[in-house]
């Protein structure tokens, strides 16, 4: 397996395509193999009444809502297209983390990405994980501070989606006991023995 270095661009472009392109260029110049952004529709992931976190109010307009802030940070479909093209031009892989079903479909359906990174905050987002499993792409699944039980459930949800099981708590639990699911998950987790309790 060759070394892979992923440069985290995230939303550090501040909503500016020019900055996002500069992040691609900097990542490529650094020798990174991929550069990762975030793909989301703000209205799909936060309500108009959600307050900003304290670290956000310390660095941005305290009177601006979290929804308004996130809308500024969205990358449009056209921006994604331009960034993917720049990555190809610079010889670096494009990667993104979706936070909602529409953004997942944009990445895997419209742009045909073959690999998706899921952030640890979405580890318990069963609808997103199930749809990701259905997309039949490679997955980088961040676990953050998740419990082993949460990780097992996430793998069950992904595996159920990958193998066409109907969604549901029982189906997700049963998926972890099915060798066909573990075969489907081989790119997500190398061995069922490592994620299941003895």
C-alpha atoms as a PDB file:
ATOM      1  CA  UNK A   1       0.000   0.000   0.000  1.00  0.00           C
ATOM      2  CA  UNK A   2       1.439   3.366  -0.999  1.00  0.00           C
ATOM      3  CA  UNK A   3       1.565   6.332   1.352  1.00  0.00           C
ATOM      4  CA  UNK A   4      -1.410   8.655   1.114  1.00  0.00           C
ATOM      5  CA  UNK A   5      -1.415  12.226   2.400  1.00  0.00           C
ATOM      6  CA  UNK A   6      -4.739  14.071   2.496  1.00  0.00           C
ATOM      7  CA  UNK A   7      -4.575  17.860   2.755  1.00  0.00           C
ATOM      8  CA  UNK A   8      -7.554  19.212   4.725  1.00  0.00           C
ATOM      9  CA  UNK A   9      -9.032  22.208   2.915  1.00  0.00           C
ATOM     10  CA  UNK A  10     -12.430  21.887   4.593  1.00  0.00           C
ATOM     11  CA  UNK A  11     -14.200  25.248   4.518  1.00  0.00           C
ATOM     12  CA  UNK A  12     -10.980  27.265   4.843  1.00  0.00           C
ATOM     13  CA  UNK A  13     -11.802  28.881   1.489  1.00  0.00           C
ATOM     14  CA  UNK A  14     -14.327  31.109   3.338  1.00  0.00           C
ATOM     15  CA  UNK A  15     -16.740  30.748   0.436  1.00  0.00           C
ATOM     16  CA  UNK A  16     -14.247  32.066  -2.121  1.00  0.00           C
ATOM     17  CA  UNK A  17     -13.586  29.911  -5.182  1.00  0.00           C
ATOM     18  CA  UNK A  18     -10.279  31.717  -5.698  1.00  0.00           C
ATOM     19  CA  UNK A  19      -9.154  30.725  -2.195  1.00  0.00           C
ATOM     20  CA  UNK A  20     -10.365  27.163  -2.765  1.00  0.00           C
ATOM     21  CA  UNK A  21      -8.310  26.952  -5.965  1.00  0.00           C
ATOM     22  CA  UNK A  22      -5.296  28.322  -4.083  1.00  0.00           C
ATOM     23  CA  UNK A  23      -5.786  25.578  -1.474  1.00  0.00           C
ATOM     24  CA  UNK A  24      -5.714  22.963  -4.248  1.00  0.00           C
ATOM     25  CA  UNK A  25      -2.528  24.491  -5.648  1.00  0.00           C
ATOM     26  CA  UNK A  26      -0.880  24.600  -2.208  1.00  0.00           C
ATOM     27  CA  UNK A  27      -1.868  20.999  -1.463  1.00  0.00           C
ATOM     28  CA  UNK A  28      -0.467  19.819  -4.790  1.00  0.00           C
ATOM     29  CA  UNK A  29       2.761  21.793  -4.285  1.00  0.00           C
ATOM     30  CA  UNK A  30       3.179  20.254  -0.813  1.00  0.00           C
ATOM     31  CA  UNK A  31       3.172  16.730  -2.235  1.00  0.00           C
ATOM     32  CA  UNK A  32      -0.215  15.731  -0.840  1.00  0.00           C
ATOM     33  CA  UNK A  33      -1.953  12.964  -2.778  1.00  0.00           C
ATOM     34  CA  UNK A  34      -5.494  14.303  -2.166  1.00  0.00           C
ATOM     35  CA  UNK A  35      -7.141  17.519  -1.059  1.00  0.00           C
ATOM     36  CA  UNK A  36     -10.397  17.286   0.906  1.00  0.00           C
ATOM     37  CA  UNK A  37     -13.224  19.803   0.984  1.00  0.00           C
ATOM     38  CA  UNK A  38     -16.679  19.743   2.601  1.00  0.00           C
ATOM     39  CA  UNK A  39     -19.905  19.483   0.596  1.00  0.00           C
ATOM     40  CA  UNK A  40     -23.207  20.519   2.145  1.00  0.00           C
ATOM     41  CA  UNK A  41     -26.424  22.426   1.752  1.00  0.00           C
ATOM     42  CA  UNK A  42     -26.648  24.603   4.858  1.00  0.00           C
ATOM     43  CA  UNK A  43     -30.447  24.481   5.018  1.00  0.00           C
ATOM     44  CA  UNK A  44     -30.286  20.648   5.101  1.00  0.00           C
ATOM     45  CA  UNK A  45     -27.997  20.457   8.135  1.00  0.00           C
ATOM     46  CA  UNK A  46     -28.912  23.378  10.420  1.00  0.00           C
ATOM     47  CA  UNK A  47     -32.093  25.231  11.331  1.00  0.00           C
ATOM     48  CA  UNK A  48     -32.487  28.984  11.063  1.00  0.00           C
ATOM     49  CA  UNK A  49     -32.627  29.143  14.878  1.00  0.00           C
ATOM     50  CA  UNK A  50     -29.414  27.242  15.573  1.00  0.00           C
ATOM     51  CA  UNK A  51     -26.948  29.431  17.474  1.00  0.00           C
ATOM     52  CA  UNK A  52     -23.292  29.561  16.604  1.00  0.00           C
ATOM     53  CA  UNK A  53     -20.800  27.754  18.797  1.00  0.00           C
ATOM     54  CA  UNK A  54     -18.711  29.998  21.039  1.00  0.00           C
ATOM     55  CA  UNK A  55     -15.580  29.524  18.919  1.00  0.00           C
ATOM     56  CA  UNK A  56     -17.585  30.627  15.862  1.00  0.00           C
ATOM     57  CA  UNK A  57     -18.919  33.802  17.489  1.00  0.00           C
ATOM     58  CA  UNK A  58     -15.380  34.646  18.628  1.00  0.00           C
ATOM     59  CA  UNK A  59     -14.132  34.591  15.017  1.00  0.00           C
ATOM     60  CA  UNK A  60     -17.153  35.731  12.990  1.00  0.00           C
ATOM     61  CA  UNK A  61     -20.000  38.230  13.207  1.00  0.00           C
ATOM     62  CA  UNK A  62     -21.813  37.351  16.427  1.00  0.00           C
ATOM     63  CA  UNK A  63     -25.076  38.720  15.002  1.00  0.00           C
ATOM     64  CA  UNK A  64     -24.976  36.361  12.013  1.00  0.00           C
ATOM     65  CA  UNK A  65     -26.864  33.076  12.397  1.00  0.00           C
ATOM     66  CA  UNK A  66     -25.139  29.746  11.992  1.00  0.00           C
ATOM     67  CA  UNK A  67     -27.318  29.114   8.932  1.00  0.00           C
ATOM     68  CA  UNK A  68     -26.175  32.355   7.300  1.00  0.00           C
ATOM     69  CA  UNK A  69     -22.547  31.578   8.101  1.00  0.00           C
ATOM     70  CA  UNK A  70     -22.779  28.082   6.617  1.00  0.00           C
ATOM     71  CA  UNK A  71     -24.528  29.387   3.504  1.00  0.00           C
ATOM     72  CA  UNK A  72     -21.479  31.579   2.882  1.00  0.00           C
ATOM     73  CA  UNK A  73     -19.272  28.486   3.076  1.00  0.00           C
ATOM     74  CA  UNK A  74     -21.252  26.286   0.663  1.00  0.00           C
ATOM     75  CA  UNK A  75     -19.555  25.197  -2.537  1.00  0.00           C
ATOM     76  CA  UNK A  76     -21.914  25.303  -5.511  1.00  0.00           C
ATOM     77  CA  UNK A  77     -22.095  22.534  -8.081  1.00  0.00           C
ATOM     78  CA  UNK A  78     -20.150  24.738 -10.500  1.00  0.00           C
ATOM     79  CA  UNK A  79     -17.487  25.385  -7.846  1.00  0.00           C
ATOM     80  CA  UNK A  80     -17.135  21.631  -7.301  1.00  0.00           C
ATOM     81  CA  UNK A  81     -16.722  21.163 -11.051  1.00  0.00           C
ATOM     82  CA  UNK A  82     -13.986  23.823 -11.224  1.00  0.00           C
ATOM     83  CA  UNK A  83     -12.151  22.370  -8.219  1.00  0.00           C
ATOM     84  CA  UNK A  84     -12.280  18.830  -9.591  1.00  0.00           C
ATOM     85  CA  UNK A  85     -10.846  20.112 -12.879  1.00  0.00           C
ATOM     86  CA  UNK A  86      -8.056  21.993 -11.067  1.00  0.00           C
ATOM     87  CA  UNK A  87      -7.198  18.868  -9.082  1.00  0.00           C
ATOM     88  CA  UNK A  88      -6.915  16.881 -12.314  1.00  0.00           C
ATOM     89  CA  UNK A  89      -4.740  19.605 -13.821  1.00  0.00           C
ATOM     90  CA  UNK A  90      -2.443  19.611 -10.773  1.00  0.00           C
ATOM     91  CA  UNK A  91      -2.303  15.815 -10.463  1.00  0.00           C
ATOM     92  CA  UNK A  92      -3.910  15.632  -7.031  1.00  0.00           C
ATOM     93  CA  UNK A  93      -7.019  13.691  -6.047  1.00  0.00           C
ATOM     94  CA  UNK A  94     -10.230  15.526  -5.140  1.00  0.00           C
ATOM     95  CA  UNK A  95     -11.993  14.310  -1.995  1.00  0.00           C
ATOM     96  CA  UNK A  96     -14.927  15.713  -0.076  1.00  0.00           C
ATOM     97  CA  UNK A  97     -17.013  15.047   3.002  1.00  0.00           C
ATOM     98  CA  UNK A  98     -20.785  15.249   2.406  1.00  0.00           C
ATOM     99  CA  UNK A  99     -23.109  16.195   5.246  1.00  0.00           C
ATOM    100  CA  UNK A 100     -26.484  15.614   3.588  1.00  0.00           C
ATOM    101  CA  UNK A 101     -28.068  13.273   1.047  1.00  0.00           C
ATOM    102  CA  UNK A 102     -28.200  15.872  -1.731  1.00  0.00           C
ATOM    103  CA  UNK A 103     -24.475  16.547  -1.402  1.00  0.00           C
ATOM    104  CA  UNK A 104     -23.678  12.835  -1.313  1.00  0.00           C
ATOM    105  CA  UNK A 105     -25.627  12.386  -4.539  1.00  0.00           C
ATOM    106  CA  UNK A 106     -23.786  15.325  -6.098  1.00  0.00           C
ATOM    107  CA  UNK A 107     -20.426  13.758  -5.305  1.00  0.00           C
ATOM    108  CA  UNK A 108     -21.157  10.126  -6.167  1.00  0.00           C
ATOM    109  CA  UNK A 109     -23.952  10.505  -8.725  1.00  0.00           C
ATOM    110  CA  UNK A 110     -23.228  13.644 -10.680  1.00  0.00           C
ATOM    111  CA  UNK A 111     -19.432  13.717 -10.348  1.00  0.00           C
ATOM    112  CA  UNK A 112     -18.858   9.976 -10.037  1.00  0.00           C
ATOM    113  CA  UNK A 113     -16.411  10.144  -7.142  1.00  0.00           C
ATOM    114  CA  UNK A 114     -15.277   6.652  -6.193  1.00  0.00           C
ATOM    115  CA  UNK A 115     -14.249   7.525  -2.639  1.00  0.00           C
ATOM    116  CA  UNK A 116     -15.999   9.494   0.101  1.00  0.00           C
ATOM    117  CA  UNK A 117     -14.739  10.652   3.488  1.00  0.00           C
ATOM    118  CA  UNK A 118     -17.259  10.729   6.329  1.00  0.00           C
ATOM    119  CA  UNK A 119     -16.517  12.941   9.311  1.00  0.00           C
ATOM    120  CA  UNK A 120     -16.809  11.590  12.839  1.00  0.00           C
ATOM    121  CA  UNK A 121     -19.750  13.914  13.508  1.00  0.00           C
ATOM    122  CA  UNK A 122     -21.780  11.967  10.938  1.00  0.00           C
ATOM    123  CA  UNK A 123     -20.947   8.534  12.365  1.00  0.00           C
ATOM    124  CA  UNK A 124     -24.459   8.284  13.825  1.00  0.00           C
ATOM    125  CA  UNK A 125     -26.209   9.747  10.739  1.00  0.00           C
ATOM    126  CA  UNK A 126     -27.846   6.484   9.649  1.00  0.00           C
ATOM    127  CA  UNK A 127     -29.680   7.859   6.571  1.00  0.00           C
ATOM    128  CA  UNK A 128     -26.433   9.308   5.197  1.00  0.00           C
ATOM    129  CA  UNK A 129     -24.418   6.160   5.950  1.00  0.00           C
ATOM    130  CA  UNK A 130     -27.071   3.895   4.448  1.00  0.00           C
ATOM    131  CA  UNK A 131     -27.205   5.968   1.241  1.00  0.00           C
ATOM    132  CA  UNK A 132     -23.408   5.953   1.138  1.00  0.00           C
ATOM    133  CA  UNK A 133     -23.449   2.168   1.360  1.00  0.00           C
ATOM    134  CA  UNK A 134     -25.912   2.056  -1.529  1.00  0.00           C
ATOM    135  CA  UNK A 135     -23.560   4.247  -3.595  1.00  0.00           C
ATOM    136  CA  UNK A 136     -21.009   1.393  -3.659  1.00  0.00           C
ATOM    137  CA  UNK A 137     -17.924   3.601  -3.264  1.00  0.00           C
ATOM    138  CA  UNK A 138     -14.821   3.340  -1.078  1.00  0.00           C
ATOM    139  CA  UNK A 139     -15.292   4.952   2.331  1.00  0.00           C
ATOM    140  CA  UNK A 140     -12.952   6.650   4.754  1.00  0.00           C
ATOM    141  CA  UNK A 141     -14.899   6.587   8.013  1.00  0.00           C
ATOM    142  CA  UNK A 142     -13.624   8.844  10.782  1.00  0.00           C
ATOM    143  CA  UNK A 143     -14.493   7.596  14.236  1.00  0.00           C
ATOM    144  CA  UNK A 144     -13.363  10.513  16.413  1.00  0.00           C
ATOM    145  CA  UNK A 145     -14.451   9.889  20.008  1.00  0.00           C
ATOM    146  CA  UNK A 146     -17.134   7.350  19.082  1.00  0.00           C
ATOM    147  CA  UNK A 147     -17.732   4.295  21.243  1.00  0.00           C
ATOM    148  CA  UNK A 148     -17.103   0.824  19.880  1.00  0.00           C
ATOM    149  CA  UNK A 149     -20.875   0.266  19.819  1.00  0.00           C
ATOM    150  CA  UNK A 150     -21.371   3.396  17.683  1.00  0.00           C
ATOM    151  CA  UNK A 151     -18.660   2.263  15.276  1.00  0.00           C
ATOM    152  CA  UNK A 152     -20.210  -1.205  15.014  1.00  0.00           C
ATOM    153  CA  UNK A 153     -23.634   0.291  14.312  1.00  0.00           C
ATOM    154  CA  UNK A 154     -22.161   2.585  11.643  1.00  0.00           C
ATOM    155  CA  UNK A 155     -20.509  -0.393   9.947  1.00  0.00           C
ATOM    156  CA  UNK A 156     -23.800  -2.300  10.127  1.00  0.00           C
ATOM    157  CA  UNK A 157     -25.630   0.606   8.474  1.00  0.00           C
ATOM    158  CA  UNK A 158     -22.998   0.909   5.740  1.00  0.00           C
ATOM    159  CA  UNK A 159     -22.969  -2.844   5.200  1.00  0.00           C
ATOM    160  CA  UNK A 160     -26.752  -3.035   5.005  1.00  0.00           C
ATOM    161  CA  UNK A 161     -26.738  -0.323   2.356  1.00  0.00           C
ATOM    162  CA  UNK A 162     -23.931  -2.003   0.425  1.00  0.00           C
ATOM    163  CA  UNK A 163     -25.708  -5.368   0.340  1.00  0.00           C
ATOM    164  CA  UNK A 164     -29.227  -4.095  -0.400  1.00  0.00           C
ATOM    165  CA  UNK A 165     -30.832  -4.908   2.952  1.00  0.00           C
ATOM    166  CA  UNK A 166     -33.879  -2.913   3.967  1.00  0.00           C
ATOM    167  CA  UNK A 167     -32.922  -0.283   6.554  1.00  0.00           C
ATOM    168  CA  UNK A 168     -33.777  -0.845  10.209  1.00  0.00           C
ATOM    169  CA  UNK A 169     -32.099  -1.433  13.575  1.00  0.00           C
ATOM    170  CA  UNK A 170     -32.470  -5.199  13.359  1.00  0.00           C
ATOM    171  CA  UNK A 171     -31.144  -5.295   9.797  1.00  0.00           C
ATOM    172  CA  UNK A 172     -28.132  -3.193  10.816  1.00  0.00           C
ATOM    173  CA  UNK A 173     -27.348  -5.529  13.728  1.00  0.00           C
ATOM    174  CA  UNK A 174     -27.813  -8.643  11.589  1.00  0.00           C
ATOM    175  CA  UNK A 175     -25.571  -7.202   8.896  1.00  0.00           C
ATOM    176  CA  UNK A 176     -22.576  -7.405  11.217  1.00  0.00           C
ATOM    177  CA  UNK A 177     -23.046 -11.178  11.533  1.00  0.00           C
ATOM    178  CA  UNK A 178     -23.104 -11.749   7.765  1.00  0.00           C
ATOM    179  CA  UNK A 179     -19.838 -12.669   6.032  1.00  0.00           C
ATOM    180  CA  UNK A 180     -21.125 -11.146   2.766  1.00  0.00           C
ATOM    181  CA  UNK A 181     -21.444  -7.798   4.537  1.00  0.00           C
ATOM    182  CA  UNK A 182     -17.884  -8.040   5.809  1.00  0.00           C
ATOM    183  CA  UNK A 183     -16.762  -8.800   2.277  1.00  0.00           C
ATOM    184  CA  UNK A 184     -18.530  -5.627   1.124  1.00  0.00           C
ATOM    185  CA  UNK A 185     -16.980  -3.674   3.985  1.00  0.00           C
ATOM    186  CA  UNK A 186     -13.432  -4.788   3.276  1.00  0.00           C
ATOM    187  CA  UNK A 187     -12.509  -1.279   2.136  1.00  0.00           C
ATOM    188  CA  UNK A 188     -14.092   0.255   5.239  1.00  0.00           C
ATOM    189  CA  UNK A 189     -12.717  -2.059   7.923  1.00  0.00           C
ATOM    190  CA  UNK A 190     -10.178  -4.795   7.251  1.00  0.00           C
ATOM    191  CA  UNK A 191     -11.402  -7.446   9.662  1.00  0.00           C
ATOM    192  CA  UNK A 192     -14.664  -8.145  11.480  1.00  0.00           C
ATOM    193  CA  UNK A 193     -12.630  -9.548  14.396  1.00  0.00           C
ATOM    194  CA  UNK A 194     -11.240  -6.092  15.128  1.00  0.00           C
ATOM    195  CA  UNK A 195     -14.586  -4.362  15.446  1.00  0.00           C
ATOM    196  CA  UNK A 196     -16.599  -7.032  17.253  1.00  0.00           C
ATOM    197  CA  UNK A 197     -16.312  -7.889  20.902  1.00  0.00           C
ATOM    198  CA  UNK A 198     -15.129 -11.432  21.629  1.00  0.00           C
END
